[in-house]
Amino acid sequence: MTEAPTKADAGDGPGRVGIWTFAFDGQPAGRVREVAAEVEEAGYGAIWFGEAFGRETAGQAWLLLSATRHITVASGIANIAFRDPIAAATATRTLGEAFPGRYLLGLGGHRVDDTVRELDGYPMPARGRAVATMTAYLDAMDAVPAHSPRPDPAPRRVLAALGPKMLRLAAERTWGAHPYFVPVEHTVRARALMGPGAFLGVEQAVVLDTDSARARELATAHVAGYVASAPHQEANVRRLGFGDADLTGGPSRRLVDAIVAYGDAEAIRRRVRDHLDAGADHVCIQVLTADPAGLPDREWRELAPALLR
């Protein structure tokens, strides 16, 4: 078993605040490189990106790392259904060797039932129970022989963890956890479960818009999409005390306000601070806009003075 490094062993790390986005996938490589450099220049500590059917996670990471000098680049997450542990281990080592201390591997994508679901029409079969599947994947990654130079320091790993068992696994076997689509109450519970030594990097969806009706409309669409299509996210919010009244017929105002922060930069800063005060080490903001395929680089620039002060 690989010993999980503590925060104190990990170097500078991703700082207190970063950005999270799926939108790089829809942009040409040159634009991605340009904006990544701008995000670094603005002072954010990390760039997190998701993985679906856009760029492969290691290739996306290389693109971002090569365009920047010191910022952490984090997969949030690399889907374990998309590559076997050998490919994951060797790609991670390569990035760790080329960009020492800057690549953070987030792993997730485990399925918890036997249902075959489709993603953009592509069948995505289940891989078994979540904790057992992820444990086996980590074991297999750790067992892959190294026939190339070992990176120093070894790249850090985190898990997409929501429930108690996965949060404990994240604390025991990796650097920590990357919860997604969670309210501040989840951060409180995650820190209590994981203890003080594990990294906790929380995604926070935000809408930068002082028109409350327009902002709430975007926020509601975001929340509705996840609770309708992601059973593990629905299960998690139910575990946090949200019930049928919050989920049936569209998400309630209470649930939307818990998941998405919206308003001016100060309102968003307060939500980020709430997560940090609740025990998060890092908060990565996902800016929601009316164009989900577009890069919210204007919003990232506008939010930086408030979030990074």
Protein backbone atom coordinates (compact mmCIF):
# COMPACT_ATOMS: atom_id res chain seq x y z
CA MET A 1 0.00 0.00 0.00
CA THR A 2 1.30 3.46 -0.91
CA GLU A 3 1.60 5.78 2.05
CA ALA A 4 -0.60 8.85 1.62
CA PRO A 5 1.54 12.01 1.78
CA THR A 6 0.42 14.68 4.20
CA LYS A 7 -0.24 18.28 3.23
CA ALA A 8 3.03 19.28 4.86
CA ASP A 9 4.97 16.93 2.58
CA ALA A 10 3.40 18.18 -0.63
CA GLY A 11 5.22 21.41 -1.42
CA ASP A 12 3.39 24.53 -2.53
CA GLY A 13 0.30 22.72 -3.81
CA PRO A 14 -2.70 24.34 -5.48
CA GLY A 15 -3.13 27.29 -3.14
CA ARG A 16 -6.44 28.30 -1.62
CA VAL A 17 -8.45 29.10 -4.76
CA GLY A 18 -8.43 27.72 -8.30
CA ILE A 19 -10.71 27.47 -11.32
CA TRP A 20 -12.63 24.43 -12.60
CA THR A 21 -13.98 24.03 -16.14
CA PHE A 22 -15.16 21.69 -18.87
CA ALA A 23 -14.93 24.49 -21.43
CA PHE A 24 -11.35 23.91 -22.56
CA ASP A 25 -12.58 20.95 -24.62
CA GLY A 26 -14.50 23.21 -27.00
CA GLN A 27 -11.60 25.56 -27.66
CA PRO A 28 -8.65 25.27 -30.07
CA ALA A 29 -5.35 24.41 -28.45
CA GLY A 30 -3.89 27.87 -29.00
CA ARG A 31 -6.77 29.51 -27.17
CA VAL A 32 -6.46 27.05 -24.29
CA ARG A 33 -2.78 27.85 -23.91
CA GLU A 34 -3.44 31.59 -23.99
CA VAL A 35 -6.17 31.49 -21.36
CA ALA A 36 -4.22 29.11 -19.11
CA ALA A 37 -1.38 31.62 -19.00
CA GLU A 38 -3.90 34.37 -18.14
CA VAL A 39 -5.36 32.29 -15.28
CA GLU A 40 -1.87 31.80 -13.88
CA GLU A 41 -1.07 35.49 -14.25
CA ALA A 42 -4.29 36.39 -12.39
CA GLY A 43 -2.95 34.53 -9.36
CA TYR A 44 -5.13 31.42 -9.16
CA GLY A 45 -3.43 28.43 -7.61
CA ALA A 46 -4.80 25.65 -9.81
CA ILE A 47 -6.54 24.84 -13.07
CA TRP A 48 -8.96 21.92 -12.79
CA PHE A 49 -10.60 20.32 -15.82
CA GLY A 50 -13.15 17.58 -16.31
CA GLU A 51 -13.04 14.66 -18.73
CA ALA A 52 -15.86 13.43 -20.95
CA PHE A 53 -15.41 12.97 -24.71
CA GLY A 54 -13.19 15.97 -25.35
CA ARG A 55 -9.43 15.87 -24.99
CA GLU A 56 -7.94 12.87 -23.23
CA THR A 57 -6.99 13.84 -19.69
CA ALA A 58 -3.21 13.42 -19.95
CA GLY A 59 -3.12 15.31 -23.24
CA GLN A 60 -5.21 18.13 -21.80
CA ALA A 61 -2.93 18.28 -18.78
CA TRP A 62 0.19 18.46 -20.99
CA LEU A 63 -1.37 21.30 -22.99
CA LEU A 64 -2.09 23.29 -19.83
CA LEU A 65 1.19 22.51 -18.08
CA SER A 66 3.28 23.43 -21.10
CA ALA A 67 1.50 26.80 -21.37
CA THR A 68 2.20 27.77 -17.75
CA ARG A 69 5.16 27.97 -15.41
CA HIS A 70 4.15 27.20 -11.84
CA ILE A 71 0.38 26.76 -11.44
CA THR A 72 -0.98 23.34 -10.42
CA VAL A 73 -2.88 21.53 -13.19
CA ALA A 74 -5.42 19.05 -11.85
CA SER A 75 -7.63 16.46 -13.50
CA GLY A 76 -11.03 16.79 -11.91
CA ILE A 77 -11.48 13.98 -12.70
CA ALA A 78 -9.70 11.45 -14.90
CA ASN A 79 -12.37 8.83 -15.54
CA ILE A 80 -11.17 5.34 -14.61
CA ALA A 81 -13.60 3.86 -17.15
CA PHE A 82 -11.61 5.53 -19.94
CA ARG A 83 -8.19 3.90 -19.34
CA ASP A 84 -6.70 0.93 -17.58
CA PRO A 85 -4.41 1.39 -14.56
CA ILE A 86 -1.25 0.85 -16.62
CA ALA A 87 -2.08 3.77 -18.90
CA ALA A 88 -3.06 5.92 -15.91
CA ALA A 89 0.15 5.13 -14.01
CA THR A 90 2.55 5.66 -16.91
CA ALA A 91 0.86 8.86 -18.10
CA THR A 92 0.93 10.27 -14.58
CA ARG A 93 4.62 9.44 -14.21
CA THR A 94 5.38 11.13 -17.51
CA LEU A 95 3.61 14.34 -16.49
CA GLY A 96 5.23 14.22 -13.06
CA GLU A 97 8.69 13.87 -14.58
CA ALA A 98 8.19 16.63 -17.15
CA PHE A 99 6.52 19.10 -14.77
CA PRO A 100 7.78 18.29 -11.25
CA GLY A 101 5.29 18.92 -8.48
CA ARG A 102 2.68 20.55 -10.72
CA TYR A 103 0.34 17.76 -11.84
CA LEU A 104 -2.43 16.57 -9.53
CA LEU A 105 -4.28 13.42 -10.64
CA GLY A 106 -7.93 13.29 -9.65
CA LEU A 107 -9.54 9.88 -10.16
CA GLY A 108 -13.24 9.07 -10.38
CA GLY A 109 -15.89 7.73 -12.70
CA HIS A 110 -16.72 4.62 -10.68
CA ARG A 111 -20.28 3.33 -10.96
CA VAL A 112 -22.27 1.90 -8.11
CA ASP A 113 -24.87 -0.30 -9.77
CA ASP A 114 -25.26 -2.74 -12.66
CA THR A 115 -27.07 -0.37 -15.00
CA VAL A 116 -25.58 0.42 -18.40
CA ARG A 117 -26.17 4.14 -18.99
CA GLU A 118 -25.40 6.21 -22.06
CA LEU A 119 -23.26 9.32 -22.28
CA ASP A 120 -23.94 11.17 -25.53
CA GLY A 121 -25.32 7.90 -26.88
CA TYR A 122 -22.23 5.91 -25.87
CA PRO A 123 -22.86 2.98 -23.50
CA MET A 124 -21.02 3.33 -20.19
CA PRO A 125 -21.29 0.04 -18.30
CA ALA A 126 -20.96 -0.21 -14.55
CA ARG A 127 -17.65 -1.30 -13.07
CA GLY A 128 -18.88 -2.65 -9.74
CA ARG A 129 -19.21 -1.23 -6.27
CA ALA A 130 -17.55 2.15 -5.94
CA VAL A 131 -15.08 1.67 -3.09
CA ALA A 132 -14.03 -1.83 -4.12
CA THR A 133 -13.57 -0.72 -7.73
CA MET A 134 -11.48 2.30 -6.80
CA THR A 135 -9.40 0.33 -4.30
CA ALA A 136 -8.57 -2.26 -6.96
CA TYR A 137 -7.70 0.48 -9.44
CA LEU A 138 -5.30 2.14 -6.98
CA ASP A 139 -3.73 -1.23 -6.17
CA ALA A 140 -3.18 -1.91 -9.86
CA MET A 141 -1.68 1.54 -10.47
CA ASP A 142 0.72 1.09 -7.58
CA ALA A 143 1.85 -2.27 -8.94
CA VAL A 144 2.80 -1.03 -12.43
CA PRO A 145 6.58 -1.40 -12.91
CA ALA A 146 8.56 1.74 -13.72
CA HIS A 147 10.82 1.43 -16.78
CA SER A 148 11.36 5.17 -17.06
CA PRO A 149 12.76 7.77 -14.65
CA ARG A 150 10.64 8.10 -11.54
CA PRO A 151 9.34 11.63 -11.04
CA ASP A 152 10.53 13.47 -7.95
CA PRO A 153 8.34 14.36 -6.19
CA ALA A 154 5.85 11.62 -7.02
CA PRO A 155 2.64 13.10 -8.46
CA ARG A 156 -0.16 13.42 -5.96
CA ARG A 157 -3.55 11.76 -6.33
CA VAL A 158 -7.02 12.63 -5.03
CA LEU A 159 -10.36 10.88 -5.36
CA ALA A 160 -13.76 12.15 -6.43
CA ALA A 161 -15.30 11.36 -3.07
CA LEU A 162 -18.78 12.12 -1.74
CA GLY A 163 -19.90 9.37 0.65
CA PRO A 164 -18.22 8.41 3.92
CA LYS A 165 -16.53 5.25 2.63
CA MET A 166 -14.96 6.95 -0.39
CA LEU A 167 -13.87 9.91 1.71
CA ARG A 168 -12.12 7.55 4.11
CA LEU A 169 -10.46 5.73 1.21
CA ALA A 170 -9.27 9.07 -0.17
CA ALA A 171 -7.70 9.95 3.17
CA GLU A 172 -6.10 6.53 3.59
CA ARG A 173 -4.79 5.87 0.09
CA THR A 174 -4.29 9.25 -1.60
CA TRP A 175 -3.47 12.88 -0.88
CA GLY A 176 -7.14 13.57 -0.27
CA ALA A 177 -10.52 14.25 -1.88
CA HIS A 178 -12.07 16.38 -4.61
CA PRO A 179 -15.82 16.62 -3.88
CA TYR A 180 -17.96 18.03 -6.69
CA PHE A 181 -21.50 19.50 -6.52
CA VAL A 182 -21.53 19.87 -2.76
CA PRO A 183 -22.79 22.46 -0.25
CA VAL A 184 -20.78 23.78 2.67
CA GLU A 185 -22.38 21.21 4.98
CA HIS A 186 -20.66 18.46 3.00
CA THR A 187 -17.31 20.16 3.53
CA VAL A 188 -17.93 20.13 7.29
CA ARG A 189 -18.72 16.40 7.22
CA ALA A 190 -15.86 15.55 4.86
CA ARG A 191 -13.28 17.24 7.06
CA ALA A 192 -14.58 15.45 10.14
CA LEU A 193 -14.43 12.07 8.36
CA MET A 194 -11.03 12.56 6.75
CA GLY A 195 -9.23 14.15 9.66
CA PRO A 196 -6.87 17.12 9.62
CA GLY A 197 -4.05 15.67 7.52
CA ALA A 198 -5.83 14.96 4.23
CA PHE A 199 -6.24 17.47 1.42
CA LEU A 200 -9.81 18.63 0.73
CA GLY A 201 -10.27 20.45 -2.59
CA VAL A 202 -13.91 21.41 -3.16
CA GLU A 203 -15.58 22.42 -6.43
CA GLN A 204 -18.00 25.35 -6.12
CA ALA A 205 -20.34 26.37 -8.95
CA VAL A 206 -20.88 30.14 -9.23
CA VAL A 207 -22.79 32.63 -11.36
CA LEU A 208 -21.32 36.13 -11.49
CA ASP A 209 -24.45 38.21 -12.19
CA THR A 210 -26.19 40.80 -10.04
CA ASP A 211 -29.51 40.13 -11.81
CA SER A 212 -30.78 37.61 -9.25
CA ALA A 213 -33.56 36.18 -11.44
CA ARG A 214 -31.21 35.56 -14.36
CA ALA A 215 -28.51 34.15 -12.10
CA ARG A 216 -30.96 31.84 -10.35
CA GLU A 217 -32.22 30.56 -13.70
CA LEU A 218 -28.71 29.50 -14.70
CA ALA A 219 -28.08 28.01 -11.27
CA THR A 220 -31.34 26.05 -11.34
CA ALA A 221 -30.58 24.57 -14.77
CA HIS A 222 -27.17 23.45 -13.54
CA VAL A 223 -28.55 21.74 -10.44
CA ALA A 224 -31.47 20.18 -12.33
CA GLY A 225 -29.14 18.60 -14.86
CA TYR A 226 -27.13 16.81 -12.19
CA VAL A 227 -29.95 15.57 -9.99
CA ALA A 228 -31.77 14.25 -13.08
CA SER A 229 -28.85 12.41 -14.66
CA ALA A 230 -26.38 11.57 -11.87
CA PRO A 231 -27.82 9.17 -9.27
CA HIS A 232 -24.73 9.45 -7.06
CA GLN A 233 -25.23 13.22 -6.84
CA GLU A 234 -28.90 12.80 -5.95
CA ALA A 235 -27.96 10.23 -3.32
CA ASN A 236 -25.41 12.60 -1.85
CA VAL A 237 -27.77 15.55 -1.46
CA ARG A 238 -30.36 13.24 0.09
CA ARG A 239 -27.69 12.11 2.54
CA LEU A 240 -27.25 15.79 3.44
CA GLY A 241 -30.93 16.20 4.29
CA PHE A 242 -32.55 17.25 1.02
CA GLY A 243 -35.70 15.26 0.29
CA ASP A 244 -38.46 14.78 -2.24
CA ALA A 245 -39.68 18.33 -1.79
CA ASP A 246 -36.25 19.56 -2.95
CA LEU A 247 -35.91 17.13 -5.85
CA THR A 248 -39.32 16.34 -7.30
CA GLY A 249 -40.54 18.55 -10.13
CA GLY A 250 -37.27 20.46 -10.35
CA PRO A 251 -34.76 21.46 -7.65
CA SER A 252 -35.99 23.64 -4.82
CA ARG A 253 -34.66 27.12 -4.18
CA ARG A 254 -33.08 25.75 -1.00
CA LEU A 255 -31.09 23.13 -2.92
CA VAL A 256 -30.09 25.51 -5.71
CA ASP A 257 -28.84 28.09 -3.22
CA ALA A 258 -26.87 25.45 -1.34
CA ILE A 259 -25.09 24.17 -4.46
CA VAL A 260 -24.54 27.36 -6.47
CA ALA A 261 -23.28 30.74 -5.26
CA TYR A 262 -24.56 33.64 -7.31
CA GLY A 263 -24.51 37.41 -7.25
CA ASP A 264 -21.58 39.82 -7.23
CA ALA A 265 -17.95 39.01 -6.57
CA GLU A 266 -18.36 39.61 -2.84
CA ALA A 267 -21.22 37.09 -2.58
CA ILE A 268 -19.08 34.49 -4.31
CA ARG A 269 -16.11 35.33 -2.10
CA ARG A 270 -18.27 34.69 0.98
CA ARG A 271 -19.21 31.22 -0.25
CA VAL A 272 -15.58 30.35 -0.95
CA ARG A 273 -14.68 31.59 2.53
CA ASP A 274 -17.48 29.48 4.02
CA HIS A 275 -15.92 26.34 2.52
CA LEU A 276 -12.45 27.30 3.74
CA ASP A 277 -13.77 28.04 7.22
CA ALA A 278 -15.57 24.66 7.17
CA GLY A 279 -12.33 22.80 6.59
CA ALA A 280 -11.54 22.93 2.87
CA ASP A 281 -7.90 23.47 1.93
CA HIS A 282 -8.76 24.61 -1.57
CA VAL A 283 -11.87 25.74 -3.46
CA CYS A 284 -12.04 25.64 -7.26
CA ILE A 285 -14.78 27.76 -8.77
CA GLN A 286 -16.79 26.57 -11.77
CA VAL A 287 -18.23 29.68 -13.42
CA LEU A 288 -21.60 29.03 -15.06
CA THR A 289 -22.65 31.19 -18.01
CA ALA A 290 -25.37 31.19 -20.65
CA ASP A 291 -22.82 29.64 -23.05
CA PRO A 292 -21.53 26.48 -21.38
CA ALA A 293 -19.10 25.82 -24.25
CA GLY A 294 -17.48 29.24 -23.95
CA LEU A 295 -14.56 30.02 -21.71
CA PRO A 296 -15.56 32.29 -18.81
CA ASP A 297 -12.22 34.07 -18.89
CA ARG A 298 -13.83 37.49 -18.33
CA GLU A 299 -15.48 36.22 -15.15
CA TRP A 300 -12.24 34.61 -13.97
CA ARG A 301 -10.50 37.95 -14.34
CA GLU A 302 -13.26 39.87 -12.59
CA LEU A 303 -13.42 37.44 -9.66
CA ALA A 304 -9.67 37.23 -9.07
CA PRO A 305 -9.29 40.45 -6.99
CA ALA A 306 -12.05 39.37 -4.60
CA LEU A 307 -11.15 35.70 -4.32
CA LEU A 308 -7.38 36.02 -4.16
CA ARG A 309 -6.99 38.90 -1.75
